[in-house]
Amino acid sequence: MQAQQKQTPAGKQPEESTGKRSLAGEEYEVEIGPVAHGGHCVARTDAGQVLFVRHALPGERVVARVTEGEEGARFLRADAVRVLDPSKDRIEAPCPYAGPGRCGGCDWQHAKPGAQRRLKGEVITEQLHRLAGLTPEQAGWDGTVMPAEGDKLPAGQVPAWRTRVQYAVDAEGRAGLRRHRSHEVEPVDHCLIAAEGVTELGVERRDWTGMESVDAIAATGSQDRQVVLTPRPGARLPLVELDRPVSVLRVEEDRGRSGTRGVHRVHGRPFVRERADGRTYRVSGGGFWQVHPKAADTLVTAVMQGLLPRKGDMALDLYCGAGLFAGALADRVGDSGAVLGIESAKRAVEDARHNLAHFDRVRIEQGKVESVLPRTGIDRVDLVVLDPPRAGAGRTTVQHLTTLHPRRIAYVACDPAALARDLAYFHTNGYQPRTLRAFDLFPMTHHVECVAILEPAEKGV
């Protein structure tokens, strides 16, 4: 096929020249192979070069246009720009902003909801096999990805689930979402997956000139609404008039040596109140909370059913955030038990201490898990909840945890590759998965949440 362009993809910084010809814009007619981790499928050119193709489905024949890559590269990135032989799982994308070169927020708008969950299951299976050497059966997983309550909708209907949306702002002050692997903004007038409370704010209809981004938050279980504004350097904060009452926070560069950003209240509450497991949690400054309204309860239920806490247990909640799992554990281990939470973010630690202040035997420590945990002097625990960031817990943390000889470990993972890598580390150190459950808490995207329950290998599965 003839190349249609020979330039750096929109929004990309040009890479250092390697002397090799860019293939961006080249088109190939290809048969689409299996799904791969990251929201794309695998194909090969006639010359055998690997293509990672977005907007395609396994088994289809498409024309794929290269978006990134050069001659001799290990792989190329591409978009399916014409579908010649569609899959039975293909539907017309419900969102007008989905498709090649447009919004990068959703990966599977063009797939039926059941097919999306099957694709996510195939990715989990592949990552378990490739990185941990496990079959689904060995991982204690039945191969299914469960939808959240209320999300099982007919094809063409989109669950409005995202309670936290970060809108990027373009040079003209329009709110939108980033294009895939790009800094360019796709202006939108409505995000289909945004929760009703976010949509009601009307962020997309306002002029945000001078802003870099606008984070819109609609709390679950309360009427709290919040926007977090990140101005461009030197810009003044606009007068914020939205369609619903809202608190406003501003992100500012810290002038100190840390180089970190501070979050400051402009008006309203500096926090939102989230509800989960029968308790209200304060979450300050746009801090982390699960974005699906059913996610917190779904994950607490899965973790507690897997751990089966007993009165008097000593438990750890690592990467504890605002204290969601620490609170659930404290309820179940009782006054004779104890819970230690560790979290690196200062504001989250303050929230967790506030949220769990009525538990006498809960302690929250600030710092990186791999640094703080060895300094606690704890040499044995009964239960562990491990909810690391997307990169996973890592070898060092896994090794230390296994020396504490917990009865069971609950690993909450938002990335199946990181989970699989850490499961391999656990196996090396004498722990194996007893059960694994997967939940589709990010419909229309490639993301999936897993809960693995581990125990010492000698106990068997």
Protein backbone atom coordinates (compact mmCIF):
# COMPACT_ATOMS: atom_id res chain seq x y z
CA MET A 1 0.00 0.00 0.00
CA GLN A 2 1.08 3.60 -0.58
CA ALA A 3 1.97 5.81 2.36
CA GLN A 4 -0.47 8.67 2.97
CA GLN A 5 1.74 10.63 5.35
CA LYS A 6 5.33 10.70 6.51
CA GLN A 7 5.19 12.68 9.72
CA THR A 8 5.12 12.39 13.49
CA PRO A 9 1.61 11.38 14.68
CA ALA A 10 -0.46 14.28 15.99
CA GLY A 11 0.42 15.31 19.52
CA LYS A 12 3.67 13.32 19.59
CA GLN A 13 7.11 14.67 20.15
CA PRO A 14 9.42 13.59 17.31
CA GLU A 15 11.82 10.89 18.38
CA GLU A 16 15.56 11.15 17.84
CA SER A 17 16.26 10.19 14.26
CA THR A 18 17.44 6.62 13.78
CA GLY A 19 17.95 7.01 10.05
CA LYS A 20 15.06 4.61 9.39
CA ARG A 21 11.98 5.54 7.41
CA SER A 22 8.82 6.25 9.39
CA LEU A 23 5.93 4.04 8.37
CA ALA A 24 3.25 6.35 9.84
CA GLY A 25 0.44 6.57 7.31
CA GLU A 26 1.21 3.28 5.57
CA GLU A 27 -1.82 1.03 5.15
CA TYR A 28 -1.95 -2.76 5.25
CA GLU A 29 -4.80 -5.16 4.62
CA VAL A 30 -4.48 -7.67 7.45
CA GLU A 31 -6.23 -10.49 9.27
CA ILE A 32 -6.73 -9.58 12.93
CA GLY A 33 -5.41 -12.09 15.45
CA PRO A 34 -5.85 -12.33 19.23
CA VAL A 35 -6.50 -9.51 21.64
CA ALA A 36 -3.46 -8.09 23.45
CA HIS A 37 -3.04 -6.23 26.73
CA GLY A 38 -3.65 -2.52 26.21
CA GLY A 39 -6.84 -2.27 24.15
CA HIS A 40 -5.64 -3.52 20.79
CA CYS A 41 -5.35 -6.74 18.79
CA VAL A 42 -2.36 -8.35 17.09
CA ALA A 43 -1.88 -8.66 13.34
CA ARG A 44 1.05 -9.12 10.97
CA THR A 45 1.97 -7.52 7.68
CA ASP A 46 2.83 -9.71 4.70
CA ALA A 47 6.47 -9.10 5.62
CA GLY A 48 5.85 -10.48 9.11
CA GLN A 49 6.06 -7.21 11.02
CA VAL A 50 3.78 -7.12 14.09
CA LEU A 51 0.94 -4.61 14.17
CA PHE A 52 -0.89 -3.62 17.36
CA VAL A 53 -4.24 -2.57 15.90
CA ARG A 54 -6.88 -0.52 17.72
CA HIS A 55 -10.56 -0.38 16.74
CA ALA A 56 -10.43 -3.98 15.50
CA LEU A 57 -11.70 -7.32 16.80
CA PRO A 58 -10.21 -10.82 16.55
CA GLY A 59 -11.02 -12.61 13.30
CA GLU A 60 -11.75 -9.48 11.30
CA ARG A 61 -10.12 -8.46 8.06
CA VAL A 62 -9.34 -4.74 8.07
CA VAL A 63 -7.27 -2.03 6.48
CA ALA A 64 -4.88 -0.91 9.22
CA ARG A 65 -3.17 2.48 9.01
CA VAL A 66 0.12 2.81 10.89
CA THR A 67 0.13 5.56 13.54
CA GLU A 68 3.58 4.92 15.03
CA GLY A 69 6.66 2.98 14.00
CA GLU A 70 9.47 2.74 11.50
CA GLU A 71 11.11 0.23 9.24
CA GLY A 72 12.77 -2.55 11.21
CA ALA A 73 10.92 -1.82 14.47
CA ARG A 74 9.82 -4.78 16.59
CA PHE A 75 6.22 -3.68 16.15
CA LEU A 76 4.04 -0.94 14.73
CA ARG A 77 0.95 0.72 16.15
CA ALA A 78 -2.04 1.10 13.86
CA ASP A 79 -5.75 1.90 13.64
CA ALA A 80 -8.33 -0.12 11.74
CA VAL A 81 -9.61 2.54 9.32
CA ARG A 82 -11.77 0.22 7.18
CA VAL A 83 -13.41 -3.05 8.20
CA LEU A 84 -13.63 -5.45 5.28
CA ASP A 85 -14.95 -8.52 7.10
CA PRO A 86 -16.54 -7.62 10.45
CA SER A 87 -16.79 -9.83 13.52
CA LYS A 88 -20.21 -10.90 14.76
CA ASP A 89 -19.25 -9.10 17.98
CA ARG A 90 -18.90 -5.73 16.24
CA ILE A 91 -21.45 -2.95 16.74
CA GLU A 92 -21.51 0.67 15.70
CA ALA A 93 -19.75 2.66 18.41
CA PRO A 94 -22.44 4.44 20.50
CA CYS A 95 -20.11 7.37 21.19
CA PRO A 96 -19.66 9.87 18.33
CA TYR A 97 -16.14 10.64 19.56
CA ALA A 98 -14.90 7.04 19.37
CA GLY A 99 -12.80 5.86 16.45
CA PRO A 100 -9.39 6.25 14.80
CA GLY A 101 -7.65 9.48 15.71
CA ARG A 102 -10.35 10.57 18.12
CA CYS A 103 -10.93 10.20 21.89
CA GLY A 104 -8.56 7.71 23.50
CA GLY A 105 -10.65 7.08 26.61
CA CYS A 106 -12.60 4.01 25.46
CA ASP A 107 -11.01 1.06 23.68
CA TRP A 108 -14.01 -1.21 23.01
CA GLN A 109 -16.93 1.02 22.01
CA HIS A 110 -17.18 -1.06 18.83
CA ALA A 111 -17.65 -4.39 20.67
CA LYS A 112 -20.78 -5.88 22.24
CA PRO A 113 -20.69 -5.71 26.07
CA GLY A 114 -20.38 -9.50 26.43
CA ALA A 115 -17.57 -9.52 23.89
CA GLN A 116 -15.73 -6.82 25.82
CA ARG A 117 -15.75 -8.99 28.93
CA ARG A 118 -14.60 -12.03 26.95
CA LEU A 119 -11.72 -10.01 25.51
CA LYS A 120 -10.68 -8.89 28.98
CA GLY A 121 -10.83 -12.51 30.13
CA GLU A 122 -8.57 -13.55 27.26
CA VAL A 123 -6.06 -10.86 28.26
CA ILE A 124 -6.03 -12.08 31.87
CA THR A 125 -5.52 -15.67 30.68
CA GLU A 126 -2.65 -14.65 28.40
CA GLN A 127 -0.90 -12.57 31.09
CA LEU A 128 -1.23 -15.32 33.69
CA HIS A 129 0.30 -17.83 31.28
CA ARG A 130 3.07 -15.60 29.93
CA LEU A 131 4.20 -13.88 33.14
CA ALA A 132 3.24 -16.30 35.92
CA GLY A 133 3.17 -19.66 34.14
CA LEU A 134 -0.38 -20.28 35.39
CA THR A 135 -3.48 -21.63 33.73
CA PRO A 136 -6.84 -20.22 34.81
CA GLU A 137 -7.44 -23.42 36.76
CA GLN A 138 -4.12 -23.10 38.59
CA ALA A 139 -5.03 -19.50 39.46
CA GLY A 140 -8.41 -20.58 40.83
CA TRP A 141 -10.27 -18.59 38.17
CA ASP A 142 -13.29 -19.77 36.21
CA GLY A 143 -12.43 -17.53 33.25
CA THR A 144 -15.35 -15.12 33.59
CA VAL A 145 -15.25 -11.35 33.98
CA MET A 146 -18.29 -10.22 35.94
CA PRO A 147 -20.11 -6.96 35.18
CA ALA A 148 -20.87 -4.60 38.03
CA GLU A 149 -24.43 -4.53 39.31
CA GLY A 150 -26.62 -2.63 36.83
CA ASP A 151 -24.03 -2.64 34.02
CA LYS A 152 -25.34 -5.65 32.08
CA LEU A 153 -27.02 -3.68 29.29
CA PRO A 154 -27.98 -4.55 25.69
CA ALA A 155 -25.53 -3.83 22.88
CA GLY A 156 -25.54 -0.15 21.98
CA GLN A 157 -26.39 1.01 25.51
CA VAL A 158 -23.55 2.45 27.57
CA PRO A 159 -23.44 2.40 31.38
CA ALA A 160 -22.79 5.89 32.77
CA TRP A 161 -20.34 4.80 35.42
CA ARG A 162 -17.36 7.12 35.63
CA THR A 163 -17.70 9.27 38.77
CA ARG A 164 -14.34 10.98 38.23
CA VAL A 165 -13.52 12.46 34.84
CA GLN A 166 -10.39 14.44 34.03
CA TYR A 167 -11.14 16.80 31.17
CA ALA A 168 -8.19 18.21 29.26
CA VAL A 169 -8.56 21.76 27.93
CA ASP A 170 -7.46 22.81 24.45
CA ALA A 171 -5.96 26.14 23.37
CA GLU A 172 -9.44 27.58 22.76
CA GLY A 173 -10.64 26.77 26.29
CA ARG A 174 -12.78 23.79 25.28
CA ALA A 175 -13.05 20.78 27.58
CA GLY A 176 -12.39 17.40 26.08
CA LEU A 177 -10.46 14.15 26.39
CA ARG A 178 -7.01 13.17 25.18
CA ARG A 179 -6.58 11.30 21.95
CA HIS A 180 -4.85 7.93 22.20
CA ARG A 181 -1.14 8.26 23.07
CA SER A 182 -1.33 11.97 22.39
CA HIS A 183 -1.42 15.33 24.15
CA GLU A 184 -4.00 16.58 21.65
CA VAL A 185 -7.49 17.22 22.96
CA GLU A 186 -10.70 15.90 21.44
CA PRO A 187 -13.38 18.43 22.48
CA VAL A 188 -16.61 16.73 23.56
CA ASP A 189 -20.07 17.96 24.46
CA HIS A 190 -20.94 14.80 26.41
CA CYS A 191 -18.94 11.79 27.64
CA LEU A 192 -21.20 8.73 27.47
CA ILE A 193 -19.46 6.87 30.29
CA ALA A 194 -19.51 9.85 32.69
CA ALA A 195 -21.78 9.31 35.69
CA GLU A 196 -24.96 11.35 35.87
CA GLY A 197 -23.54 13.51 38.66
CA VAL A 198 -20.58 14.47 36.47
CA THR A 199 -22.72 15.18 33.41
CA GLU A 200 -25.04 17.40 35.46
CA LEU A 201 -22.18 19.79 36.21
CA GLY A 202 -22.03 20.88 32.56
CA VAL A 203 -18.24 21.09 32.39
CA GLU A 204 -18.24 20.55 28.60
CA ARG A 205 -20.41 23.62 28.04
CA ARG A 206 -18.11 26.13 29.76
CA ASP A 207 -15.13 28.16 28.60
CA TRP A 208 -11.99 27.05 30.47
CA THR A 209 -9.47 29.36 28.85
CA GLY A 210 -6.22 29.33 30.81
CA MET A 211 -6.84 25.94 32.35
CA GLU A 212 -4.75 22.86 31.65
CA SER A 213 -7.33 20.42 32.99
CA VAL A 214 -10.62 20.23 34.89
CA ASP A 215 -11.28 17.20 37.10
CA ALA A 216 -14.98 16.63 37.77
CA ILE A 217 -15.97 14.45 40.74
CA ALA A 218 -19.42 13.16 41.69
CA ALA A 219 -19.27 11.31 45.01
CA THR A 220 -21.08 8.02 45.54
CA GLY A 221 -23.57 7.97 48.38
CA SER A 222 -23.66 11.74 48.87
CA GLN A 223 -24.55 14.79 46.81
CA ASP A 224 -21.00 16.15 47.00
CA ARG A 225 -19.70 17.52 43.72
CA GLN A 226 -16.24 18.91 43.16
CA VAL A 227 -14.05 20.31 40.40
CA VAL A 228 -10.27 20.45 40.62
CA LEU A 229 -8.74 23.07 38.33
CA THR A 230 -5.17 22.95 37.06
CA PRO A 231 -4.24 26.33 35.53
CA ARG A 232 -1.62 26.85 32.88
CA PRO A 233 1.44 28.77 34.11
CA GLY A 234 0.52 32.37 34.83
CA ALA A 235 -3.20 31.91 34.18
CA ARG A 236 -5.88 33.33 36.45
CA LEU A 237 -8.62 31.14 37.84
CA PRO A 238 -11.96 31.64 36.05
CA LEU A 239 -15.23 32.35 37.80
CA VAL A 240 -16.68 28.86 38.14
CA GLU A 241 -20.41 28.76 37.46
CA LEU A 242 -21.63 25.24 36.82
CA ASP A 243 -25.10 23.73 36.58
CA ARG A 244 -25.06 22.24 40.08
CA PRO A 245 -23.62 23.35 43.46
CA VAL A 246 -19.96 22.39 43.50
CA SER A 247 -16.80 22.79 45.55
CA VAL A 248 -13.75 24.12 43.75
CA LEU A 249 -10.10 23.26 44.33
CA ARG A 250 -7.02 24.62 42.60
CA VAL A 251 -3.82 22.74 41.82
CA GLU A 252 -0.70 24.85 42.23
CA GLU A 253 2.96 24.20 41.67
CA ASP A 254 4.87 23.93 44.95
CA ARG A 255 7.58 26.58 44.95
CA GLY A 256 9.62 24.53 47.40
CA ARG A 257 12.33 21.97 46.78
CA SER A 258 9.95 19.02 46.52
CA GLY A 259 8.62 20.02 43.10
CA THR A 260 5.25 18.52 43.99
CA ARG A 261 1.90 20.12 43.42
CA GLY A 262 -0.30 21.44 46.18
CA VAL A 263 -4.11 21.36 46.10
CA HIS A 264 -5.86 24.36 47.65
CA ARG A 265 -9.50 25.04 48.41
CA VAL A 266 -11.09 27.91 46.49
CA HIS A 267 -14.59 27.53 47.92
CA GLY A 268 -16.76 24.79 49.37
CA ARG A 269 -15.52 21.66 51.10
CA PRO A 270 -11.95 20.53 50.46
CA PHE A 271 -13.20 16.93 50.34
CA VAL A 272 -16.05 14.75 49.10
CA ARG A 273 -17.87 12.11 51.13
CA GLU A 274 -17.89 8.63 49.62
CA ARG A 275 -19.97 5.74 50.89
CA ALA A 276 -18.95 2.07 51.00
CA ASP A 277 -19.39 -0.98 53.23
CA GLY A 278 -21.86 0.88 55.43
CA ARG A 279 -19.42 3.70 56.25
CA THR A 280 -18.75 7.23 55.00
CA TYR A 281 -15.21 8.05 53.90
CA ARG A 282 -13.73 11.51 53.51
CA VAL A 283 -11.58 11.86 50.37
CA SER A 284 -9.72 15.16 50.12
CA GLY A 285 -8.19 17.16 47.33
CA GLY A 286 -9.28 14.99 44.43
CA GLY A 287 -7.58 12.00 46.07
CA PHE A 288 -7.95 8.40 44.92
CA TRP A 289 -11.26 6.60 45.15
CA GLN A 290 -12.65 3.90 42.88
CA VAL A 291 -14.31 5.56 39.89
CA HIS A 292 -17.18 3.11 39.36
CA PRO A 293 -20.03 3.71 41.85
CA LYS A 294 -20.29 -0.03 42.59
CA ALA A 295 -16.55 -0.69 42.70
CA ALA A 296 -15.78 -0.02 46.36
CA ASP A 297 -18.55 -2.31 47.66
CA THR A 298 -17.81 -4.96 45.02
CA LEU A 299 -14.14 -5.11 45.94
CA VAL A 300 -14.69 -5.02 49.71
CA THR A 301 -17.10 -7.95 49.38
CA ALA A 302 -14.68 -9.95 47.23
CA VAL A 303 -11.73 -9.26 49.56
CA MET A 304 -13.59 -10.10 52.78
CA GLN A 305 -15.14 -13.25 51.29
CA GLY A 306 -11.66 -14.36 50.27
CA LEU A 307 -9.85 -13.51 53.50
CA LEU A 308 -12.53 -14.65 55.97
CA PRO A 309 -11.23 -12.45 58.82
CA ARG A 310 -11.54 -13.75 62.38
CA LYS A 311 -11.90 -11.90 65.66
CA GLY A 312 -8.46 -11.13 67.03
CA ASP A 313 -6.62 -11.23 63.68
CA MET A 314 -3.69 -8.92 62.99
CA ALA A 315 -4.08 -7.47 59.49
CA LEU A 316 -2.20 -5.20 57.10
CA ASP A 317 -3.74 -2.87 54.53
CA LEU A 318 -0.95 -1.84 52.17
CA TYR A 319 -1.37 1.15 49.84
CA CYS A 320 -4.44 1.84 51.97
CA GLY A 321 -5.53 5.18 50.49
CA ALA A 322 -8.40 6.71 52.46
CA GLY A 323 -8.78 3.50 54.48
CA LEU A 324 -11.45 1.53 52.60
CA PHE A 325 -10.10 -1.97 53.28
CA ALA A 326 -8.61 -1.03 56.66
CA GLY A 327 -12.11 -0.03 57.81
CA ALA A 328 -13.64 -3.25 56.53
CA LEU A 329 -10.94 -5.29 58.27
CA ALA A 330 -11.29 -3.36 61.54
CA ASP A 331 -15.02 -4.10 61.61
CA ARG A 332 -14.38 -7.81 61.24
CA VAL A 333 -11.32 -8.42 63.45
CA GLY A 334 -13.02 -6.70 66.38
CA ASP A 335 -11.59 -5.02 69.45
CA SER A 336 -9.18 -7.89 70.06
CA GLY A 337 -7.71 -7.57 66.58
CA ALA A 338 -5.53 -4.87 65.03
CA VAL A 339 -5.02 -3.27 61.61
CA LEU A 340 -2.00 -1.41 60.26
CA GLY A 341 -2.41 0.66 57.11
CA ILE A 342 0.47 2.08 55.08
CA GLU A 343 0.07 4.80 52.45
CA SER A 344 2.57 7.17 50.83
CA ALA A 345 0.28 10.12 50.02
CA LYS A 346 0.14 12.59 52.92
CA ARG A 347 -3.41 13.77 52.24
CA ALA A 348 -4.71 10.20 51.96
CA VAL A 349 -3.06 9.33 55.28
CA GLU A 350 -4.80 12.27 56.92
CA ASP A 351 -8.11 11.10 55.47
CA ALA A 352 -7.57 7.50 56.59
CA ARG A 353 -6.76 8.59 60.14
CA HIS A 354 -9.88 10.75 60.18
CA ASN A 355 -12.08 8.05 58.68
CA LEU A 356 -10.92 5.36 61.11
CA ALA A 357 -10.39 7.46 64.24
CA HIS A 358 -13.11 5.57 66.14
CA PHE A 359 -11.14 2.29 65.87
CA ASP A 360 -8.71 2.12 68.79
CA ARG A 361 -6.62 -0.65 67.25
CA VAL A 362 -6.13 0.82 63.77
CA ARG A 363 -2.88 2.60 62.96
CA ILE A 364 -2.02 4.38 59.70
CA GLU A 365 1.62 5.03 58.78
CA GLN A 366 2.84 7.32 56.01
CA GLY A 367 5.56 6.32 53.58
CA LYS A 368 6.42 3.88 50.85
CA VAL A 369 5.38 0.34 51.70
CA GLU A 370 8.79 -1.14 50.92
CA SER A 371 10.42 1.33 53.33
CA VAL A 372 7.88 1.55 56.14
CA LEU A 373 6.88 -2.09 56.50
CA PRO A 374 10.33 -3.40 57.50
CA ARG A 375 10.66 -0.60 60.09
CA THR A 376 7.44 -1.52 61.92
CA GLY A 377 9.10 -4.47 63.64
CA ILE A 378 6.13 -6.69 62.81
CA ASP A 379 7.30 -10.26 62.34
CA ARG A 380 3.97 -12.03 61.87
CA VAL A 381 0.47 -11.15 60.62
CA ASP A 382 -2.68 -13.12 59.90
CA LEU A 383 -4.09 -11.28 56.88
CA VAL A 384 -2.88 -8.85 54.23
CA VAL A 385 -4.72 -6.65 51.75
CA LEU A 386 -2.45 -5.54 48.94
CA ASP A 387 -3.88 -2.84 46.63
CA PRO A 388 -0.84 -1.42 44.84
CA PRO A 389 -0.72 1.16 42.05
CA ARG A 390 -0.79 0.03 38.43
CA ALA A 391 2.90 -0.94 38.43
CA GLY A 392 2.26 -3.61 41.08
CA ALA A 393 3.87 -4.38 44.43
CA GLY A 394 7.21 -5.63 43.13
CA ARG A 395 9.67 -8.29 44.18
CA THR A 396 10.97 -6.62 47.36
CA THR A 397 7.55 -6.06 48.91
CA VAL A 398 6.37 -9.54 47.99
CA GLN A 399 9.46 -11.12 49.55
CA HIS A 400 9.00 -9.22 52.79
CA LEU A 401 5.29 -10.03 53.01
CA THR A 402 5.90 -13.75 52.73
CA THR A 403 8.32 -13.63 55.68
CA LEU A 404 5.37 -12.46 57.83
CA HIS A 405 3.60 -15.79 57.16
CA PRO A 406 0.07 -14.44 56.64
CA ARG A 407 -2.73 -16.97 56.56
CA ARG A 408 -4.15 -15.32 53.46
CA ILE A 409 -3.33 -12.37 51.20
CA ALA A 410 -5.88 -10.47 49.11
CA TYR A 411 -4.27 -8.85 46.08
CA VAL A 412 -6.44 -6.19 44.40
CA ALA A 413 -5.08 -5.45 40.93
CA CYS A 414 -6.09 -2.96 38.26
CA ASP A 415 -3.52 -4.34 35.80
CA PRO A 416 -3.40 -8.05 34.92
CA ALA A 417 0.24 -7.85 33.80
CA ALA A 418 1.40 -6.43 37.15
CA LEU A 419 -0.72 -9.01 38.96
CA ALA A 420 0.80 -11.87 36.97
CA ARG A 421 4.36 -10.65 37.59
CA ASP A 422 3.72 -10.41 41.32
CA LEU A 423 2.04 -13.84 41.38
CA ALA A 424 5.28 -15.23 39.97
CA TYR A 425 7.21 -13.56 42.82
CA PHE A 426 4.74 -14.98 45.35
CA HIS A 427 5.19 -18.45 43.86
CA THR A 428 8.97 -18.18 44.25
CA ASN A 429 8.40 -17.31 47.90
CA GLY A 430 5.97 -20.12 48.69
CA TYR A 431 2.52 -18.58 48.08
CA GLN A 432 -0.02 -19.50 45.44
CA PRO A 433 -3.44 -18.22 44.38
CA ARG A 434 -6.42 -19.96 45.93
CA THR A 435 -9.03 -18.02 43.97
CA LEU A 436 -9.07 -15.24 41.43
CA ARG A 437 -12.09 -13.13 40.51
CA ALA A 438 -12.31 -10.55 37.74
CA PHE A 439 -14.73 -7.61 37.54
CA ASP A 440 -15.53 -5.31 34.65
CA LEU A 441 -15.45 -2.07 36.62
CA PHE A 442 -14.29 -0.03 33.59
CA PRO A 443 -16.80 -0.79 30.80
CA MET A 444 -15.85 0.26 27.26
CA THR A 445 -12.16 0.46 28.22
CA HIS A 446 -9.49 -2.26 28.26
CA HIS A 447 -9.08 -1.98 32.04
CA VAL A 448 -10.23 -4.76 34.36
CA GLU A 449 -10.06 -5.26 38.13
CA CYS A 450 -8.96 -8.55 39.69
CA VAL A 451 -8.99 -9.88 43.25
CA ALA A 452 -6.61 -12.78 43.89
CA ILE A 453 -6.60 -14.62 47.23
CA LEU A 454 -3.27 -16.24 48.06
CA GLU A 455 -2.20 -18.68 50.73
CA PRO A 456 0.90 -20.74 51.57
CA ALA A 457 1.53 -23.32 48.88
CA GLU A 458 1.60 -26.28 51.25
CA LYS A 459 -2.11 -25.72 51.93
CA GLY A 460 -2.98 -26.54 48.35
CA VAL A 461 -5.71 -24.91 46.35
